[in-house]
Every structure is written in structure tokens, then in C-alpha cells.
Amino acid sequence: GDRESLQELLDWMEAQQGQWMLGVATGRAPALV
């Protein structure tokens, strides 16, 4: 919804050096993910 805050979140995930994993729970079908 907001590219700037998304990138901030992805940067935080990367800074965790693999300690945190990102998963999704969505209404989208896999192909649309």
C-alpha cells in the first residue's frame, strides 16, 4: 500500500540476518501472490 514503508520493513527484515522470516496469509491465490 505504501512503497516507502514497505522498503523500510524489508530493510528491517534484512538487518535481522536471517533471524526473522517473512510469510504471508492472504486471500490471493498463489499465482496472484
PDB file of all heavy atoms in Angstrom:
ATOM      1  N   GLY A   1       0.823  -1.207   0.000  1.00  0.00           N
ATOM      2  CA  GLY A   1       0.000   0.000   0.000  1.00  0.00           C
ATOM      3  C   GLY A   1       0.852   1.250   0.000  1.00  0.00           C
ATOM      4  O   GLY A   1       0.443   2.297  -0.516  1.00  0.00           O
ATOM      5  N   ASP A   2       2.069   1.152   0.568  1.00  0.00           N
ATOM      6  CA  ASP A   2       2.989   2.289   0.607  1.00  0.00           C
ATOM      7  C   ASP A   2       4.403   1.763   0.374  1.00  0.00           C
ATOM      8  O   ASP A   2       4.921   0.989   1.189  1.00  0.00           O
ATOM      9  CB  ASP A   2       2.903   2.998   1.958  1.00  0.00           C
ATOM     10  CG  ASP A   2       3.912   4.136   2.068  1.00  0.00           C
ATOM     11  OD1 ASP A   2       3.743   5.149   1.367  1.00  0.00           O
ATOM     12  OD2 ASP A   2       4.881   3.981   2.840  1.00  0.00           O
ATOM     13  N   ARG A   3       5.010   2.152  -0.737  1.00  0.00           N
ATOM     14  CA  ARG A   3       6.312   1.588  -1.114  1.00  0.00           C
ATOM     15  C   ARG A   3       7.417   1.995  -0.141  1.00  0.00           C
ATOM     16  O   ARG A   3       8.335   1.210   0.138  1.00  0.00           O
ATOM     17  CB  ARG A   3       6.675   2.007  -2.539  1.00  0.00           C
ATOM     18  CG  ARG A   3       5.800   1.349  -3.598  1.00  0.00           C
ATOM     19  CD  ARG A   3       6.292   1.615  -5.008  1.00  0.00           C
ATOM     20  NE  ARG A   3       5.409   1.000  -6.003  1.00  0.00           N
ATOM     21  CZ  ARG A   3       5.507  -0.258  -6.418  1.00  0.00           C
ATOM     22  NH1 ARG A   3       6.454  -1.031  -5.920  1.00  0.00           N
ATOM     23  NH2 ARG A   3       4.667  -0.731  -7.316  1.00  0.00           N
ATOM     24  N   GLU A   4       7.353   3.209   0.376  1.00  0.00           N
ATOM     25  CA  GLU A   4       8.422   3.681   1.264  1.00  0.00           C
ATOM     26  C   GLU A   4       8.454   2.871   2.563  1.00  0.00           C
ATOM     27  O   GLU A   4       9.508   2.391   2.990  1.00  0.00           O
ATOM     28  CB  GLU A   4       8.217   5.167   1.562  1.00  0.00           C
ATOM     29  CG  GLU A   4       9.351   5.765   2.404  1.00  0.00           C
ATOM     30  CD  GLU A   4       9.180   7.259   2.614  1.00  0.00           C
ATOM     31  OE1 GLU A   4       8.403   7.885   1.854  1.00  0.00           O
ATOM     32  OE2 GLU A   4       9.815   7.793   3.535  1.00  0.00           O
ATOM     33  N   SER A   5       7.292   2.697   3.187  1.00  0.00           N
ATOM     34  CA  SER A   5       7.264   1.937   4.441  1.00  0.00           C
ATOM     35  C   SER A   5       7.506   0.449   4.194  1.00  0.00           C
ATOM     36  O   SER A   5       8.074  -0.246   5.045  1.00  0.00           O
ATOM     37  CB  SER A   5       5.941   2.143   5.171  1.00  0.00           C
ATOM     38  OG  SER A   5       4.845   1.715   4.381  1.00  0.00           O
ATOM     39  N   LEU A   6       7.093  -0.052   3.023  1.00  0.00           N
ATOM     40  CA  LEU A   6       7.383  -1.445   2.674  1.00  0.00           C
ATOM     41  C   LEU A   6       8.885  -1.669   2.616  1.00  0.00           C
ATOM     42  O   LEU A   6       9.401  -2.655   3.170  1.00  0.00           O
ATOM     43  CB  LEU A   6       6.740  -1.802   1.332  1.00  0.00           C
ATOM     44  CG  LEU A   6       7.168  -3.152   0.727  1.00  0.00           C
ATOM     45  CD1 LEU A   6       6.739  -4.313   1.618  1.00  0.00           C
ATOM     46  CD2 LEU A   6       6.594  -3.315  -0.683  1.00  0.00           C
ATOM     47  N   GLN A   7       9.596  -0.745   1.964  1.00  0.00           N
ATOM     48  CA  GLN A   7      11.043  -0.900   1.864  1.00  0.00           C
ATOM     49  C   GLN A   7      11.700  -0.816   3.235  1.00  0.00           C
ATOM     50  O   GLN A   7      12.660  -1.546   3.525  1.00  0.00           O
ATOM     51  CB  GLN A   7      11.628   0.170   0.941  1.00  0.00           C
ATOM     52  CG  GLN A   7      13.092  -0.055   0.592  1.00  0.00           C
ATOM     53  CD  GLN A   7      13.322  -1.414  -0.049  1.00  0.00           C
ATOM     54  OE1 GLN A   7      12.691  -1.756  -1.046  1.00  0.00           O
ATOM     55  NE2 GLN A   7      14.233  -2.203   0.514  1.00  0.00           N
ATOM     56  N   GLU A   8      11.155   0.032   4.100  1.00  0.00           N
ATOM     57  CA  GLU A   8      11.685   0.139   5.466  1.00  0.00           C
ATOM     58  C   GLU A   8      11.520  -1.189   6.200  1.00  0.00           C
ATOM     59  O   GLU A   8      12.419  -1.641   6.917  1.00  0.00           O
ATOM     60  CB  GLU A   8      10.963   1.263   6.210  1.00  0.00           C
ATOM     61  CG  GLU A   8      11.535   1.530   7.603  1.00  0.00           C
ATOM     62  CD  GLU A   8      10.802   2.654   8.332  1.00  0.00           C
ATOM     63  OE1 GLU A   8       9.974   3.347   7.684  1.00  0.00           O
ATOM     64  OE2 GLU A   8      11.039   2.816   9.549  1.00  0.00           O
ATOM     65  N   LEU A   9      10.358  -1.839   6.010  1.00  0.00           N
ATOM     66  CA  LEU A   9      10.123  -3.127   6.651  1.00  0.00           C
ATOM     67  C   LEU A   9      11.054  -4.198   6.088  1.00  0.00           C
ATOM     68  O   LEU A   9      11.635  -4.993   6.847  1.00  0.00           O
ATOM     69  CB  LEU A   9       8.661  -3.548   6.460  1.00  0.00           C
ATOM     70  CG  LEU A   9       8.278  -4.935   6.997  1.00  0.00           C
ATOM     71  CD1 LEU A   9       8.488  -5.011   8.508  1.00  0.00           C
ATOM     72  CD2 LEU A   9       6.837  -5.270   6.642  1.00  0.00           C
ATOM     73  N   LEU A  10      11.223  -4.220   4.768  1.00  0.00           N
ATOM     74  CA  LEU A  10      12.113  -5.206   4.150  1.00  0.00           C
ATOM     75  C   LEU A  10      13.551  -4.985   4.601  1.00  0.00           C
ATOM     76  O   LEU A  10      14.301  -5.945   4.824  1.00  0.00           O
ATOM     77  CB  LEU A  10      12.007  -5.135   2.628  1.00  0.00           C
ATOM     78  CG  LEU A  10      10.655  -5.541   2.023  1.00  0.00           C
ATOM     79  CD1 LEU A  10      10.671  -5.354   0.510  1.00  0.00           C
ATOM     80  CD2 LEU A  10      10.315  -6.990   2.371  1.00  0.00           C
ATOM     81  N   ASP A  11      13.951  -3.718   4.748  1.00  0.00           N
ATOM     82  CA  ASP A  11      15.306  -3.416   5.240  1.00  0.00           C
ATOM     83  C   ASP A  11      15.475  -3.937   6.674  1.00  0.00           C
ATOM     84  O   ASP A  11      16.539  -4.459   7.034  1.00  0.00           O
ATOM     85  CB  ASP A  11      15.562  -1.904   5.193  1.00  0.00           C
ATOM     86  CG  ASP A  11      15.711  -1.380   3.769  1.00  0.00           C
ATOM     87  OD1 ASP A  11      15.919  -2.201   2.849  1.00  0.00           O
ATOM     88  OD2 ASP A  11      15.593  -0.153   3.573  1.00  0.00           O
ATOM     89  N   TRP A  12      14.419  -3.774   7.500  1.00  0.00           N
ATOM     90  CA  TRP A  12      14.494  -4.277   8.874  1.00  0.00           C
ATOM     91  C   TRP A  12      14.643  -5.801   8.871  1.00  0.00           C
ATOM     92  O   TRP A  12      15.454  -6.357   9.624  1.00  0.00           O
ATOM     93  CB  TRP A  12      13.238  -3.871   9.641  1.00  0.00           C
ATOM     94  CG  TRP A  12      13.218  -4.433  11.046  1.00  0.00           C
ATOM     95  CD1 TRP A  12      13.870  -3.922  12.132  1.00  0.00           C
ATOM     96  CD2 TRP A  12      12.565  -5.631  11.481  1.00  0.00           C
ATOM     97  NE1 TRP A  12      13.647  -4.723  13.232  1.00  0.00           N
ATOM     98  CE2 TRP A  12      12.854  -5.779  12.864  1.00  0.00           C
ATOM     99  CE3 TRP A  12      11.771  -6.578  10.855  1.00  0.00           C
ATOM    100  CZ2 TRP A  12      12.365  -6.852  13.611  1.00  0.00           C
ATOM    101  CZ3 TRP A  12      11.280  -7.645  11.592  1.00  0.00           C
ATOM    102  CH2 TRP A  12      11.578  -7.777  12.961  1.00  0.00           C
ATOM    103  N   MET A  13      13.865  -6.473   8.007  1.00  0.00           N
ATOM    104  CA  MET A  13      13.962  -7.930   7.921  1.00  0.00           C
ATOM    105  C   MET A  13      15.379  -8.338   7.522  1.00  0.00           C
ATOM    106  O   MET A  13      15.965  -9.263   8.109  1.00  0.00           O
ATOM    107  CB  MET A  13      12.964  -8.472   6.892  1.00  0.00           C
ATOM    108  CG  MET A  13      11.501  -8.277   7.237  1.00  0.00           C
ATOM    109  SD  MET A  13      10.898  -9.344   8.562  1.00  0.00           S
ATOM    110  CE  MET A  13      11.114 -10.953   7.850  1.00  0.00           C
ATOM    111  N   GLU A  14      15.945  -7.652   6.547  1.00  0.00           N
ATOM    112  CA  GLU A  14      17.294  -7.999   6.085  1.00  0.00           C
ATOM    113  C   GLU A  14      18.319  -7.761   7.184  1.00  0.00           C
ATOM    114  O   GLU A  14      19.286  -8.529   7.339  1.00  0.00           O
ATOM    115  CB  GLU A  14      17.638  -7.177   4.842  1.00  0.00           C
ATOM    116  CG  GLU A  14      18.956  -7.564   4.207  1.00  0.00           C
ATOM    117  CD  GLU A  14      19.220  -6.817   2.914  1.00  0.00           C
ATOM    118  OE1 GLU A  14      18.343  -6.056   2.469  1.00  0.00           O
ATOM    119  OE2 GLU A  14      20.321  -7.009   2.343  1.00  0.00           O
ATOM    120  N   ALA A  15      18.115  -6.711   7.986  1.00  0.00           N
ATOM    121  CA  ALA A  15      19.057  -6.390   9.068  1.00  0.00           C
ATOM    122  C   ALA A  15      19.049  -7.457  10.162  1.00  0.00           C
ATOM    123  O   ALA A  15      19.991  -7.536  10.961  1.00  0.00           O
ATOM    124  CB  ALA A  15      18.723  -5.022   9.667  1.00  0.00           C
ATOM    125  N   GLN A  16      18.013  -8.279  10.205  1.00  0.00           N
ATOM    126  CA  GLN A  16      17.941  -9.330  11.232  1.00  0.00           C
ATOM    127  C   GLN A  16      18.841 -10.516  10.892  1.00  0.00           C
ATOM    128  O   GLN A  16      18.960 -11.457  11.687  1.00  0.00           O
ATOM    129  CB  GLN A  16      16.500  -9.816  11.407  1.00  0.00           C
ATOM    130  CG  GLN A  16      15.503  -8.716  11.733  1.00  0.00           C
ATOM    131  CD  GLN A  16      15.963  -7.846  12.884  1.00  0.00           C
ATOM    132  OE1 GLN A  16      16.205  -8.322  13.989  1.00  0.00           O
ATOM    133  NE2 GLN A  16      16.087  -6.542  12.617  1.00  0.00           N
ATOM    134  N   GLN A  17      19.437 -10.483   9.686  1.00  0.00           N
ATOM    135  CA  GLN A  17      20.417 -11.501   9.267  1.00  0.00           C
ATOM    136  C   GLN A  17      19.871 -12.927   9.386  1.00  0.00           C
ATOM    137  O   GLN A  17      20.523 -13.829   9.916  1.00  0.00           O
ATOM    138  CB  GLN A  17      21.710 -11.351  10.077  1.00  0.00           C
ATOM    139  CG  GLN A  17      22.389 -10.011   9.870  1.00  0.00           C
ATOM    140  CD  GLN A  17      23.669  -9.873  10.667  1.00  0.00           C
ATOM    141  OE1 GLN A  17      23.836 -10.485  11.723  1.00  0.00           O
ATOM    142  NE2 GLN A  17      24.608  -9.093  10.163  1.00  0.00           N
ATOM    143  N   GLY A  18      18.642 -13.084   8.874  1.00  0.00           N
ATOM    144  CA  GLY A  18      18.054 -14.416   8.836  1.00  0.00           C
ATOM    145  C   GLY A  18      17.358 -14.847  10.102  1.00  0.00           C
ATOM    146  O   GLY A  18      16.812 -15.954  10.172  1.00  0.00           O
ATOM    147  N   GLN A  19      17.352 -13.991  11.144  1.00  0.00           N
ATOM    148  CA  GLN A  19      16.693 -14.351  12.400  1.00  0.00           C
ATOM    149  C   GLN A  19      15.170 -14.316  12.275  1.00  0.00           C
ATOM    150  O   GLN A  19      14.471 -14.975  13.030  1.00  0.00           O
ATOM    151  CB  GLN A  19      17.142 -13.402  13.512  1.00  0.00           C
ATOM    152  CG  GLN A  19      18.584 -13.603  13.953  1.00  0.00           C
ATOM    153  CD  GLN A  19      18.780 -14.949  14.647  1.00  0.00           C
ATOM    154  OE1 GLN A  19      18.124 -15.252  15.639  1.00  0.00           O
ATOM    155  NE2 GLN A  19      19.662 -15.772  14.110  1.00  0.00           N
ATOM    156  N   TRP A  20      14.672 -13.524  11.317  1.00  0.00           N
ATOM    157  CA  TRP A  20      13.233 -13.424  11.095  1.00  0.00           C
ATOM    158  C   TRP A  20      12.907 -13.836   9.662  1.00  0.00           C
ATOM    159  O   TRP A  20      13.630 -13.505   8.726  1.00  0.00           O
ATOM    160  CB  TRP A  20      12.731 -11.992  11.347  1.00  0.00           C
ATOM    161  CG  TRP A  20      12.498 -11.740  12.811  1.00  0.00           C
ATOM    162  CD1 TRP A  20      13.444 -11.450  13.749  1.00  0.00           C
ATOM    163  CD2 TRP A  20      11.245 -11.780  13.485  1.00  0.00           C
ATOM    164  NE1 TRP A  20      12.870 -11.308  14.989  1.00  0.00           N
ATOM    165  CE2 TRP A  20      11.510 -11.495  14.858  1.00  0.00           C
ATOM    166  CE3 TRP A  20       9.929 -12.012  13.098  1.00  0.00           C
ATOM    167  CZ2 TRP A  20      10.501 -11.453  15.818  1.00  0.00           C
ATOM    168  CZ3 TRP A  20       8.923 -11.963  14.046  1.00  0.00           C
ATOM    169  CH2 TRP A  20       9.211 -11.695  15.396  1.00  0.00           C
ATOM    170  N   MET A  21      11.812 -14.578   9.519  1.00  0.00           N
ATOM    171  CA  MET A  21      11.346 -14.999   8.197  1.00  0.00           C
ATOM    172  C   MET A  21       9.992 -14.359   7.926  1.00  0.00           C
ATOM    173  O   MET A  21       9.129 -14.312   8.799  1.00  0.00           O
ATOM    174  CB  MET A  21      11.225 -16.523   8.121  1.00  0.00           C
ATOM    175  CG  MET A  21      10.704 -17.033   6.770  1.00  0.00           C
ATOM    176  SD  MET A  21      10.368 -18.822   6.766  1.00  0.00           S
ATOM    177  CE  MET A  21      12.045 -19.457   6.812  1.00  0.00           C
ATOM    178  N   LEU A  22       9.817 -13.861   6.692  1.00  0.00           N
ATOM    179  CA  LEU A  22       8.561 -13.238   6.284  1.00  0.00           C
ATOM    180  C   LEU A  22       7.669 -14.266   5.594  1.00  0.00           C
ATOM    181  O   LEU A  22       8.093 -14.957   4.665  1.00  0.00           O
ATOM    182  CB  LEU A  22       8.833 -12.074   5.326  1.00  0.00           C
ATOM    183  CG  LEU A  22       7.594 -11.356   4.766  1.00  0.00           C
ATOM    184  CD1 LEU A  22       6.833 -10.640   5.879  1.00  0.00           C
ATOM    185  CD2 LEU A  22       8.000 -10.361   3.677  1.00  0.00           C
ATOM    186  N   GLY A  23       6.428 -14.394   6.082  1.00  0.00           N
ATOM    187  CA  GLY A  23       5.424 -15.228   5.426  1.00  0.00           C
ATOM    188  C   GLY A  23       4.178 -14.411   5.172  1.00  0.00           C
ATOM    189  O   GLY A  23       4.015 -13.313   5.711  1.00  0.00           O
ATOM    190  N   VAL A  24       3.271 -14.931   4.350  1.00  0.00           N
ATOM    191  CA  VAL A  24       2.039 -14.199   4.058  1.00  0.00           C
ATOM    192  C   VAL A  24       0.834 -15.085   4.331  1.00  0.00           C
ATOM    193  O   VAL A  24       0.894 -16.308   4.223  1.00  0.00           O
ATOM    194  CB  VAL A  24       1.998 -13.695   2.600  1.00  0.00           C
ATOM    195  CG1 VAL A  24       3.131 -12.713   2.340  1.00  0.00           C
ATOM    196  CG2 VAL A  24       2.031 -14.845   1.606  1.00  0.00           C
ATOM    197  N   ALA A  25      -0.265 -14.430   4.705  1.00  0.00           N
ATOM    198  CA  ALA A  25      -1.575 -15.084   4.845  1.00  0.00           C
ATOM    199  C   ALA A  25      -2.552 -14.182   4.106  1.00  0.00           C
ATOM    200  O   ALA A  25      -2.836 -13.069   4.556  1.00  0.00           O
ATOM    201  CB  ALA A  25      -1.956 -15.234   6.311  1.00  0.00           C
ATOM    202  N   THR A  26      -3.055 -14.632   2.978  1.00  0.00           N
ATOM    203  CA  THR A  26      -3.722 -13.738   2.034  1.00  0.00           C
ATOM    204  C   THR A  26      -4.966 -14.369   1.433  1.00  0.00           C
ATOM    205  O   THR A  26      -5.120 -15.597   1.433  1.00  0.00           O
ATOM    206  CB  THR A  26      -2.736 -13.350   0.908  1.00  0.00           C
ATOM    207  OG1 THR A  26      -3.411 -12.561  -0.075  1.00  0.00           O
ATOM    208  CG2 THR A  26      -2.170 -14.595   0.229  1.00  0.00           C
ATOM    209  N   GLY A  27      -5.826 -13.526   0.915  1.00  0.00           N
ATOM    210  CA  GLY A  27      -6.964 -14.010   0.149  1.00  0.00           C
ATOM    211  C   GLY A  27      -6.605 -14.334  -1.278  1.00  0.00           C
ATOM    212  O   GLY A  27      -7.379 -14.974  -1.995  1.00  0.00           O
ATOM    213  N   ARG A  28      -5.423 -13.918  -1.706  1.00  0.00           N
ATOM    214  CA  ARG A  28      -4.995 -14.158  -3.082  1.00  0.00           C
ATOM    215  C   ARG A  28      -4.669 -15.639  -3.308  1.00  0.00           C
ATOM    216  O   ARG A  28      -4.177 -16.319  -2.421  1.00  0.00           O
ATOM    217  CB  ARG A  28      -3.736 -13.344  -3.409  1.00  0.00           C
ATOM    218  CG  ARG A  28      -3.965 -11.858  -3.610  1.00  0.00           C
ATOM    219  CD  ARG A  28      -2.659 -11.136  -3.821  1.00  0.00           C
ATOM    220  NE  ARG A  28      -2.837  -9.721  -4.146  1.00  0.00           N
ATOM    221  CZ  ARG A  28      -2.769  -9.214  -5.368  1.00  0.00           C
ATOM    222  NH1 ARG A  28      -2.485 -10.006  -6.390  1.00  0.00           N
ATOM    223  NH2 ARG A  28      -2.950  -7.919  -5.574  1.00  0.00           N
ATOM    224  N   ALA A  29      -4.913 -16.100  -4.548  1.00  0.00           N
ATOM    225  CA  ALA A  29      -4.429 -17.408  -4.965  1.00  0.00           C
ATOM    226  C   ALA A  29      -2.920 -17.347  -5.150  1.00  0.00           C
ATOM    227  O   ALA A  29      -2.355 -16.260  -5.349  1.00  0.00           O
ATOM    228  CB  ALA A  29      -5.108 -17.831  -6.262  1.00  0.00           C
ATOM    229  N   PRO A  30      -2.216 -18.479  -5.079  1.00  0.00           N
ATOM    230  CA  PRO A  30      -0.751 -18.448  -5.177  1.00  0.00           C
ATOM    231  C   PRO A  30      -0.222 -17.710  -6.400  1.00  0.00           C
ATOM    232  O   PRO A  30       0.724 -16.931  -6.291  1.00  0.00           O
ATOM    233  CB  PRO A  30      -0.380 -19.939  -5.211  1.00  0.00           C
ATOM    234  CG  PRO A  30      -1.451 -20.600  -4.419  1.00  0.00           C
ATOM    235  CD  PRO A  30      -2.708 -19.847  -4.750  1.00  0.00           C
ATOM    236  N   ALA A  31      -0.828 -17.934  -7.570  1.00  0.00           N
ATOM    237  CA  ALA A  31      -0.331 -17.279  -8.785  1.00  0.00           C
ATOM    238  C   ALA A  31      -0.389 -15.766  -8.656  1.00  0.00           C
ATOM    239  O   ALA A  31       0.495 -15.048  -9.146  1.00  0.00           O
ATOM    240  CB  ALA A  31      -1.137 -17.746  -9.997  1.00  0.00           C
ATOM    241  N   LEU A  32      -1.427 -15.264  -7.987  1.00  0.00           N
ATOM    242  CA  LEU A  32      -1.555 -13.818  -7.818  1.00  0.00           C
ATOM    243  C   LEU A  32      -0.605 -13.288  -6.749  1.00  0.00           C
ATOM    244  O   LEU A  32      -0.248 -12.108  -6.772  1.00  0.00           O
ATOM    245  CB  LEU A  32      -3.001 -13.472  -7.473  1.00  0.00           C
ATOM    246  CG  LEU A  32      -4.041 -13.852  -8.538  1.00  0.00           C
ATOM    247  CD1 LEU A  32      -5.441 -13.464  -8.078  1.00  0.00           C
ATOM    248  CD2 LEU A  32      -3.718 -13.192  -9.867  1.00  0.00           C
ATOM    249  N   VAL A  33      -0.193 -14.133  -5.818  1.00  0.00           N
ATOM    250  CA  VAL A  33       0.835 -13.731  -4.850  1.00  0.00           C
ATOM    251  C   VAL A  33       2.154 -13.496  -5.582  1.00  0.00           C
ATOM    252  O   VAL A  33       2.825 -12.476  -5.380  1.00  0.00           O
ATOM    253  CB  VAL A  33       1.014 -14.799  -3.752  1.00  0.00           C
ATOM    254  CG1 VAL A  33       2.177 -14.426  -2.828  1.00  0.00           C
ATOM    255  CG2 VAL A  33      -0.271 -14.951  -2.944  1.00  0.00           C
TER     256      VAL A  33
END
